Amino acid sequence: MIETRHTVLGMACSHCAAIVGEEIGRVPGVTDVRVDIAAETVVVRADRPVPRAHIDAAVEEAGYTPAPPPPDPCGTAPPGTAPRETGPPDTARPGTAPPGTAPRETGPPDTARPGTAPPGTAQPHAAPPPAEPPPTPRS
C-alpha cells in the first residue's frame, strides 16, 4: 500500500471534501482517500504508484487548486520534476543568495538613526530605570 499526502487549497466545508474525495477516488490505482478540511490536506492510499499529476488533475476537475509539493529535505526531486539546486550560495557575485531565498542586506547598521539595527536582528531593549528607594518616614 502506498500513501501520499497532498495539499488542496480552497476547501471550506464537508461538501468540498466530498467532491475532492470522489474525484481523487476515480483515479486508477487509488484505494482510499481521506480529506482533512481544516489542514487542507488529502491522504491518498493506492495499490500502486499514482503520479502526482493524476491526483492534481482530479483536484482541478473537482474545481480546487492543488498546491505544489513541499521541497524534499534530502535534495532529491520527484520523477518528472526539475532537480533542486544544492550547494553553497554563489560567492563570485556579492549579494547573491541561494534560489528561493531573499538576499540578506549586508553592511554596518544605520548609524544616522540611533537604535536601528541590521534587518533580521532584534532591536536592543533599553534597561528599565532604577527603582527609587522608598520614602523615609518622618518623625
N, C-alpha and C. Protein backbone atom coordinates (compact mmCIF):
# COMPACT_ATOMS: atom_id res chain seq x y z
N MET A 1 0.85 -1.18 0.00
CA MET A 1 0.00 0.00 0.00
C MET A 1 0.89 1.23 0.00
N ILE A 2 0.63 2.17 -0.89
CA ILE A 2 1.39 3.41 -1.00
C ILE A 2 0.49 4.54 -0.51
N GLU A 3 1.04 5.37 0.39
CA GLU A 3 0.28 6.50 0.93
C GLU A 3 1.00 7.80 0.61
N THR A 4 0.27 8.75 0.05
CA THR A 4 0.83 10.06 -0.26
C THR A 4 -0.06 11.14 0.32
N ARG A 5 0.54 12.29 0.64
CA ARG A 5 -0.19 13.42 1.20
C ARG A 5 -0.12 14.58 0.22
N HIS A 6 -1.25 15.23 0.01
CA HIS A 6 -1.35 16.33 -0.93
C HIS A 6 -2.06 17.50 -0.25
N THR A 7 -1.71 18.71 -0.63
CA THR A 7 -2.39 19.90 -0.12
C THR A 7 -3.34 20.40 -1.20
N VAL A 8 -4.59 20.67 -0.78
CA VAL A 8 -5.61 21.16 -1.69
C VAL A 8 -6.11 22.48 -1.14
N LEU A 9 -5.99 23.54 -1.92
CA LEU A 9 -6.39 24.87 -1.48
C LEU A 9 -7.84 25.16 -1.84
N GLY A 10 -8.55 25.83 -0.93
CA GLY A 10 -9.89 26.29 -1.21
C GLY A 10 -11.01 25.46 -0.64
N MET A 11 -10.72 24.34 0.02
CA MET A 11 -11.80 23.54 0.62
C MET A 11 -12.28 24.23 1.90
N ALA A 12 -13.60 24.38 2.03
CA ALA A 12 -14.12 25.08 3.19
C ALA A 12 -15.19 24.31 3.96
N CYS A 13 -15.72 23.23 3.39
CA CYS A 13 -16.82 22.52 4.07
C CYS A 13 -16.78 21.04 3.71
N SER A 14 -17.70 20.29 4.33
CA SER A 14 -17.73 18.85 4.08
C SER A 14 -18.14 18.54 2.63
N HIS A 15 -18.93 19.42 2.03
CA HIS A 15 -19.31 19.22 0.62
C HIS A 15 -18.06 19.31 -0.27
N CYS A 16 -17.20 20.29 0.03
CA CYS A 16 -15.94 20.44 -0.72
C CYS A 16 -15.11 19.15 -0.59
N ALA A 17 -15.00 18.66 0.64
CA ALA A 17 -14.20 17.46 0.89
C ALA A 17 -14.76 16.26 0.13
N ALA A 18 -16.09 16.15 0.09
CA ALA A 18 -16.72 15.03 -0.61
C ALA A 18 -16.42 15.08 -2.11
N ILE A 19 -16.52 16.26 -2.70
CA ILE A 19 -16.26 16.40 -4.13
C ILE A 19 -14.81 16.03 -4.46
N VAL A 20 -13.88 16.56 -3.66
CA VAL A 20 -12.46 16.27 -3.90
C VAL A 20 -12.19 14.77 -3.71
N GLY A 21 -12.74 14.21 -2.64
CA GLY A 21 -12.54 12.77 -2.38
C GLY A 21 -13.09 11.89 -3.49
N GLU A 22 -14.27 12.25 -4.01
CA GLU A 22 -14.85 11.46 -5.10
C GLU A 22 -14.00 11.51 -6.36
N GLU A 23 -13.53 12.71 -6.71
CA GLU A 23 -12.72 12.84 -7.93
C GLU A 23 -11.40 12.08 -7.81
N ILE A 24 -10.74 12.23 -6.66
CA ILE A 24 -9.46 11.52 -6.48
C ILE A 24 -9.71 10.01 -6.44
N GLY A 25 -10.82 9.58 -5.85
CA GLY A 25 -11.15 8.16 -5.78
C GLY A 25 -11.35 7.51 -7.14
N ARG A 26 -11.62 8.30 -8.17
CA ARG A 26 -11.80 7.78 -9.53
C ARG A 26 -10.47 7.53 -10.25
N VAL A 27 -9.37 8.02 -9.68
CA VAL A 27 -8.07 7.83 -10.33
C VAL A 27 -7.68 6.35 -10.22
N PRO A 28 -7.30 5.72 -11.34
CA PRO A 28 -6.92 4.30 -11.31
C PRO A 28 -5.78 4.04 -10.32
N GLY A 29 -5.98 3.02 -9.50
CA GLY A 29 -4.97 2.63 -8.50
C GLY A 29 -5.28 3.15 -7.11
N VAL A 30 -6.10 4.21 -7.00
CA VAL A 30 -6.43 4.78 -5.69
C VAL A 30 -7.43 3.86 -4.99
N THR A 31 -7.12 3.49 -3.74
CA THR A 31 -8.00 2.60 -2.97
C THR A 31 -8.71 3.32 -1.83
N ASP A 32 -8.15 4.43 -1.33
CA ASP A 32 -8.76 5.14 -0.21
C ASP A 32 -8.33 6.61 -0.24
N VAL A 33 -9.25 7.51 0.13
CA VAL A 33 -8.96 8.94 0.17
C VAL A 33 -9.49 9.47 1.49
N ARG A 34 -8.63 10.19 2.23
CA ARG A 34 -9.06 10.85 3.47
C ARG A 34 -8.78 12.34 3.32
N VAL A 35 -9.81 13.15 3.56
CA VAL A 35 -9.70 14.59 3.39
C VAL A 35 -9.79 15.27 4.75
N ASP A 36 -8.84 16.14 5.04
CA ASP A 36 -8.85 16.95 6.26
C ASP A 36 -9.09 18.40 5.83
N ILE A 37 -10.32 18.88 6.06
CA ILE A 37 -10.69 20.22 5.60
C ILE A 37 -9.86 21.29 6.29
N ALA A 38 -9.73 21.18 7.62
CA ALA A 38 -9.03 22.22 8.40
C ALA A 38 -7.57 22.36 7.96
N ALA A 39 -6.91 21.25 7.69
CA ALA A 39 -5.50 21.29 7.29
C ALA A 39 -5.33 21.43 5.79
N GLU A 40 -6.43 21.37 5.05
CA GLU A 40 -6.41 21.42 3.58
C GLU A 40 -5.51 20.33 3.01
N THR A 41 -5.58 19.14 3.60
CA THR A 41 -4.76 18.03 3.11
C THR A 41 -5.63 16.85 2.70
N VAL A 42 -5.08 16.05 1.82
CA VAL A 42 -5.72 14.83 1.37
C VAL A 42 -4.67 13.72 1.46
N VAL A 43 -5.02 12.63 2.13
CA VAL A 43 -4.15 11.47 2.18
C VAL A 43 -4.72 10.44 1.22
N VAL A 44 -3.90 10.02 0.27
CA VAL A 44 -4.33 9.09 -0.78
C VAL A 44 -3.60 7.77 -0.58
N ARG A 45 -4.36 6.69 -0.53
CA ARG A 45 -3.77 5.36 -0.48
C ARG A 45 -4.02 4.69 -1.82
N ALA A 46 -2.99 4.02 -2.31
CA ALA A 46 -3.09 3.38 -3.62
C ALA A 46 -2.40 2.03 -3.58
N ASP A 47 -2.84 1.13 -4.47
CA ASP A 47 -2.23 -0.19 -4.52
C ASP A 47 -1.01 -0.22 -5.44
N ARG A 48 -0.74 0.90 -6.09
CA ARG A 48 0.43 1.03 -6.96
C ARG A 48 0.80 2.52 -7.02
N PRO A 49 1.98 2.86 -7.50
CA PRO A 49 2.34 4.28 -7.60
C PRO A 49 1.38 5.03 -8.52
N VAL A 50 0.90 6.17 -8.03
CA VAL A 50 0.00 7.03 -8.82
C VAL A 50 0.72 8.36 -9.01
N PRO A 51 0.95 8.78 -10.26
CA PRO A 51 1.65 10.05 -10.49
C PRO A 51 0.91 11.23 -9.85
N ARG A 52 1.68 12.13 -9.26
CA ARG A 52 1.10 13.33 -8.64
C ARG A 52 0.26 14.10 -9.65
N ALA A 53 0.66 14.10 -10.89
CA ALA A 53 -0.08 14.82 -11.92
C ALA A 53 -1.51 14.29 -12.05
N HIS A 54 -1.71 12.98 -11.84
CA HIS A 54 -3.06 12.41 -11.92
C HIS A 54 -3.92 12.88 -10.75
N ILE A 55 -3.32 12.95 -9.56
CA ILE A 55 -4.05 13.43 -8.38
C ILE A 55 -4.37 14.92 -8.58
N ASP A 56 -3.37 15.68 -9.02
CA ASP A 56 -3.58 17.12 -9.25
C ASP A 56 -4.68 17.37 -10.28
N ALA A 57 -4.72 16.56 -11.33
CA ALA A 57 -5.75 16.72 -12.36
C ALA A 57 -7.14 16.43 -11.77
N ALA A 58 -7.24 15.45 -10.89
CA ALA A 58 -8.52 15.14 -10.25
C ALA A 58 -8.96 16.29 -9.35
N VAL A 59 -8.01 16.87 -8.61
CA VAL A 59 -8.32 18.01 -7.74
C VAL A 59 -8.83 19.18 -8.59
N GLU A 60 -8.17 19.45 -9.70
CA GLU A 60 -8.60 20.53 -10.59
C GLU A 60 -9.96 20.24 -11.21
N GLU A 61 -10.21 18.98 -11.54
CA GLU A 61 -11.51 18.58 -12.10
C GLU A 61 -12.63 18.84 -11.09
N ALA A 62 -12.30 18.70 -9.79
CA ALA A 62 -13.28 18.95 -8.73
C ALA A 62 -13.48 20.46 -8.51
N GLY A 63 -12.62 21.28 -9.12
CA GLY A 63 -12.76 22.72 -9.01
C GLY A 63 -11.89 23.36 -7.93
N TYR A 64 -10.86 22.65 -7.50
CA TYR A 64 -9.98 23.18 -6.44
C TYR A 64 -8.55 23.26 -6.95
N THR A 65 -7.69 23.85 -6.13
CA THR A 65 -6.31 24.09 -6.54
C THR A 65 -5.35 23.18 -5.79
N PRO A 66 -4.60 22.35 -6.52
CA PRO A 66 -3.58 21.55 -5.85
C PRO A 66 -2.35 22.42 -5.56
N ALA A 67 -1.81 22.31 -4.36
CA ALA A 67 -0.61 23.06 -4.02
C ALA A 67 0.60 22.27 -4.50
N PRO A 68 1.69 22.95 -4.87
CA PRO A 68 2.89 22.22 -5.29
C PRO A 68 3.43 21.42 -4.11
N PRO A 69 4.12 20.33 -4.39
CA PRO A 69 4.66 19.51 -3.30
C PRO A 69 5.72 20.30 -2.54
N PRO A 70 5.87 20.03 -1.23
CA PRO A 70 6.92 20.71 -0.47
C PRO A 70 8.29 20.26 -0.96
N PRO A 71 9.33 21.08 -0.76
CA PRO A 71 10.67 20.68 -1.19
C PRO A 71 11.12 19.45 -0.40
N ASP A 72 11.83 18.61 -1.07
CA ASP A 72 12.36 17.40 -0.43
C ASP A 72 13.57 17.78 0.42
N PRO A 73 13.54 17.47 1.73
CA PRO A 73 14.66 17.85 2.59
C PRO A 73 15.97 17.15 2.21
N CYS A 74 15.87 16.06 1.46
CA CYS A 74 17.09 15.34 1.07
C CYS A 74 17.71 15.92 -0.20
N GLY A 75 17.00 16.84 -0.86
CA GLY A 75 17.55 17.47 -2.05
C GLY A 75 17.28 16.70 -3.32
N THR A 76 16.48 15.62 -3.24
CA THR A 76 16.15 14.88 -4.44
C THR A 76 14.78 15.32 -4.94
N ALA A 77 14.61 15.35 -6.22
CA ALA A 77 13.34 15.79 -6.81
C ALA A 77 12.53 14.56 -7.22
N PRO A 78 11.19 14.63 -7.11
CA PRO A 78 10.37 13.52 -7.58
C PRO A 78 10.54 13.33 -9.08
N PRO A 79 10.30 12.12 -9.58
CA PRO A 79 10.43 11.89 -11.02
C PRO A 79 9.54 12.85 -11.80
N GLY A 80 10.07 13.36 -12.90
CA GLY A 80 9.30 14.25 -13.75
C GLY A 80 9.37 15.71 -13.35
N THR A 81 10.17 16.03 -12.35
CA THR A 81 10.31 17.43 -11.94
C THR A 81 11.77 17.83 -12.08
N ALA A 82 12.00 19.11 -12.15
CA ALA A 82 13.37 19.60 -12.29
C ALA A 82 14.09 19.44 -10.94
N PRO A 83 15.35 19.04 -10.96
CA PRO A 83 16.07 18.91 -9.70
C PRO A 83 16.28 20.27 -9.04
N ARG A 84 16.32 20.25 -7.73
CA ARG A 84 16.53 21.46 -6.96
C ARG A 84 18.02 21.77 -6.91
N GLU A 85 18.37 23.06 -6.97
CA GLU A 85 19.78 23.43 -6.86
C GLU A 85 20.25 23.20 -5.44
N THR A 86 21.46 22.67 -5.31
CA THR A 86 22.04 22.45 -4.00
C THR A 86 23.43 23.03 -3.99
N GLY A 87 24.02 23.11 -2.82
CA GLY A 87 25.39 23.62 -2.71
C GLY A 87 25.41 25.00 -2.11
N PRO A 88 26.60 25.54 -1.94
CA PRO A 88 26.72 26.85 -1.29
C PRO A 88 26.22 27.96 -2.22
N PRO A 89 25.86 29.11 -1.63
CA PRO A 89 25.44 30.22 -2.48
C PRO A 89 26.57 30.68 -3.38
N ASP A 90 26.21 31.35 -4.44
CA ASP A 90 27.19 31.86 -5.39
C ASP A 90 27.97 32.99 -4.71
N THR A 91 29.23 32.75 -4.43
CA THR A 91 30.04 33.76 -3.75
C THR A 91 30.84 34.59 -4.74
N ALA A 92 30.74 34.26 -6.04
CA ALA A 92 31.50 35.03 -7.02
C ALA A 92 30.91 36.42 -7.22
N ARG A 93 29.61 36.55 -7.01
CA ARG A 93 28.95 37.84 -7.17
C ARG A 93 28.41 38.28 -5.82
N PRO A 94 28.85 39.40 -5.28
CA PRO A 94 28.33 39.84 -3.99
C PRO A 94 26.84 40.09 -4.05
N GLY A 95 26.16 39.73 -2.97
CA GLY A 95 24.73 39.99 -2.86
C GLY A 95 23.86 38.89 -3.45
N THR A 96 24.45 37.78 -3.96
CA THR A 96 23.63 36.71 -4.49
C THR A 96 23.22 35.79 -3.35
N ALA A 97 22.10 35.15 -3.52
CA ALA A 97 21.59 34.26 -2.49
C ALA A 97 21.14 32.96 -3.17
N PRO A 98 20.99 31.87 -2.38
CA PRO A 98 20.53 30.61 -2.97
C PRO A 98 19.14 30.78 -3.58
N PRO A 99 18.78 29.96 -4.57
CA PRO A 99 17.46 30.06 -5.18
C PRO A 99 16.37 29.92 -4.12
N GLY A 100 15.33 30.73 -4.26
CA GLY A 100 14.21 30.66 -3.35
C GLY A 100 14.38 31.43 -2.06
N THR A 101 15.49 32.15 -1.91
CA THR A 101 15.69 32.93 -0.69
C THR A 101 15.89 34.39 -1.07
N ALA A 102 15.58 35.25 -0.14
CA ALA A 102 15.78 36.67 -0.37
C ALA A 102 17.21 37.04 0.01
N PRO A 103 17.84 37.90 -0.76
CA PRO A 103 19.20 38.30 -0.40
C PRO A 103 19.21 39.05 0.93
N ARG A 104 20.23 38.79 1.71
CA ARG A 104 20.36 39.45 3.00
C ARG A 104 21.14 40.73 2.83
N GLU A 105 20.67 41.79 3.47
CA GLU A 105 21.41 43.05 3.40
C GLU A 105 22.68 42.92 4.23
N THR A 106 23.74 43.54 3.74
CA THR A 106 25.00 43.49 4.47
C THR A 106 25.46 44.90 4.75
N GLY A 107 26.44 45.02 5.59
CA GLY A 107 26.99 46.33 5.91
C GLY A 107 26.69 46.70 7.35
N PRO A 108 27.25 47.83 7.78
CA PRO A 108 27.04 48.23 9.18
C PRO A 108 25.62 48.73 9.39
N PRO A 109 25.17 48.72 10.65
CA PRO A 109 23.83 49.24 10.93
C PRO A 109 23.74 50.72 10.56
N ASP A 110 22.54 51.16 10.37
CA ASP A 110 22.29 52.57 10.03
C ASP A 110 22.63 53.41 11.26
N THR A 111 23.70 54.17 11.16
CA THR A 111 24.14 54.97 12.32
C THR A 111 23.53 56.36 12.31
N ALA A 112 22.78 56.69 11.25
CA ALA A 112 22.18 58.01 11.20
C ALA A 112 21.03 58.12 12.19
N ARG A 113 20.40 56.98 12.49
CA ARG A 113 19.30 56.99 13.44
C ARG A 113 19.66 56.08 14.60
N PRO A 114 19.78 56.61 15.80
CA PRO A 114 20.12 55.77 16.95
C PRO A 114 19.06 54.70 17.17
N GLY A 115 19.53 53.54 17.59
CA GLY A 115 18.62 52.44 17.91
C GLY A 115 18.24 51.56 16.74
N THR A 116 18.82 51.79 15.55
CA THR A 116 18.49 50.94 14.42
C THR A 116 19.48 49.79 14.38
N ALA A 117 19.05 48.70 13.84
CA ALA A 117 19.89 47.50 13.75
C ALA A 117 19.74 46.94 12.35
N PRO A 118 20.66 46.07 11.92
CA PRO A 118 20.55 45.47 10.59
C PRO A 118 19.25 44.67 10.47
N PRO A 119 18.72 44.53 9.24
CA PRO A 119 17.50 43.76 9.04
C PRO A 119 17.67 42.34 9.58
N GLY A 120 16.62 41.83 10.20
CA GLY A 120 16.65 40.46 10.70
C GLY A 120 17.25 40.33 12.08
N THR A 121 17.68 41.41 12.69
CA THR A 121 18.24 41.31 14.04
C THR A 121 17.29 41.96 15.01
N ALA A 122 17.36 41.53 16.25
CA ALA A 122 16.47 42.08 17.27
C ALA A 122 16.94 43.46 17.69
N GLN A 123 16.01 44.30 17.99
CA GLN A 123 16.35 45.63 18.49
C GLN A 123 16.72 45.49 19.97
N PRO A 124 17.77 46.16 20.42
CA PRO A 124 18.13 46.06 21.83
C PRO A 124 17.06 46.77 22.67
N HIS A 125 16.82 46.23 23.83
CA HIS A 125 15.86 46.82 24.75
C HIS A 125 16.59 47.72 25.73
N ALA A 126 16.00 48.85 26.02
CA ALA A 126 16.60 49.77 26.99
C ALA A 126 16.39 49.19 28.39
N ALA A 127 17.37 49.39 29.25
CA ALA A 127 17.26 48.92 30.62
C ALA A 127 16.20 49.75 31.34
N PRO A 128 15.43 49.12 32.23
CA PRO A 128 14.43 49.89 32.95
C PRO A 128 15.10 50.89 33.89
N PRO A 129 14.45 51.99 34.19
CA PRO A 129 15.07 52.97 35.08
C PRO A 129 15.23 52.35 36.47
N PRO A 130 16.27 52.79 37.21
CA PRO A 130 16.47 52.21 38.54
C PRO A 130 15.29 52.56 39.44
N ALA A 131 14.99 51.62 40.32
CA ALA A 131 13.88 51.83 41.25
C ALA A 131 14.27 52.89 42.28
N GLU A 132 13.31 53.72 42.60
CA GLU A 132 13.58 54.75 43.61
C GLU A 132 13.43 54.12 45.00
N PRO A 133 14.28 54.53 45.94
CA PRO A 133 14.15 53.97 47.29
C PRO A 133 12.83 54.47 47.91
N PRO A 134 12.25 53.68 48.82
CA PRO A 134 11.01 54.10 49.44
C PRO A 134 11.25 55.36 50.26
N PRO A 135 10.23 56.19 50.40
CA PRO A 135 10.43 57.42 51.19
C PRO A 135 10.72 57.09 52.65
N THR A 136 11.57 57.89 53.23
CA THR A 136 11.90 57.66 54.66
C THR A 136 10.80 58.28 55.51
N PRO A 137 10.39 57.55 56.55
CA PRO A 137 9.34 58.08 57.41
C PRO A 137 9.83 59.31 58.18
N ARG A 138 8.97 60.27 58.34
CA ARG A 138 9.32 61.47 59.10
C ARG A 138 8.90 61.28 60.54
N SER A 139 9.72 61.76 61.40
CA SER A 139 9.38 61.63 62.81
C SER A 139 8.96 62.92 63.44
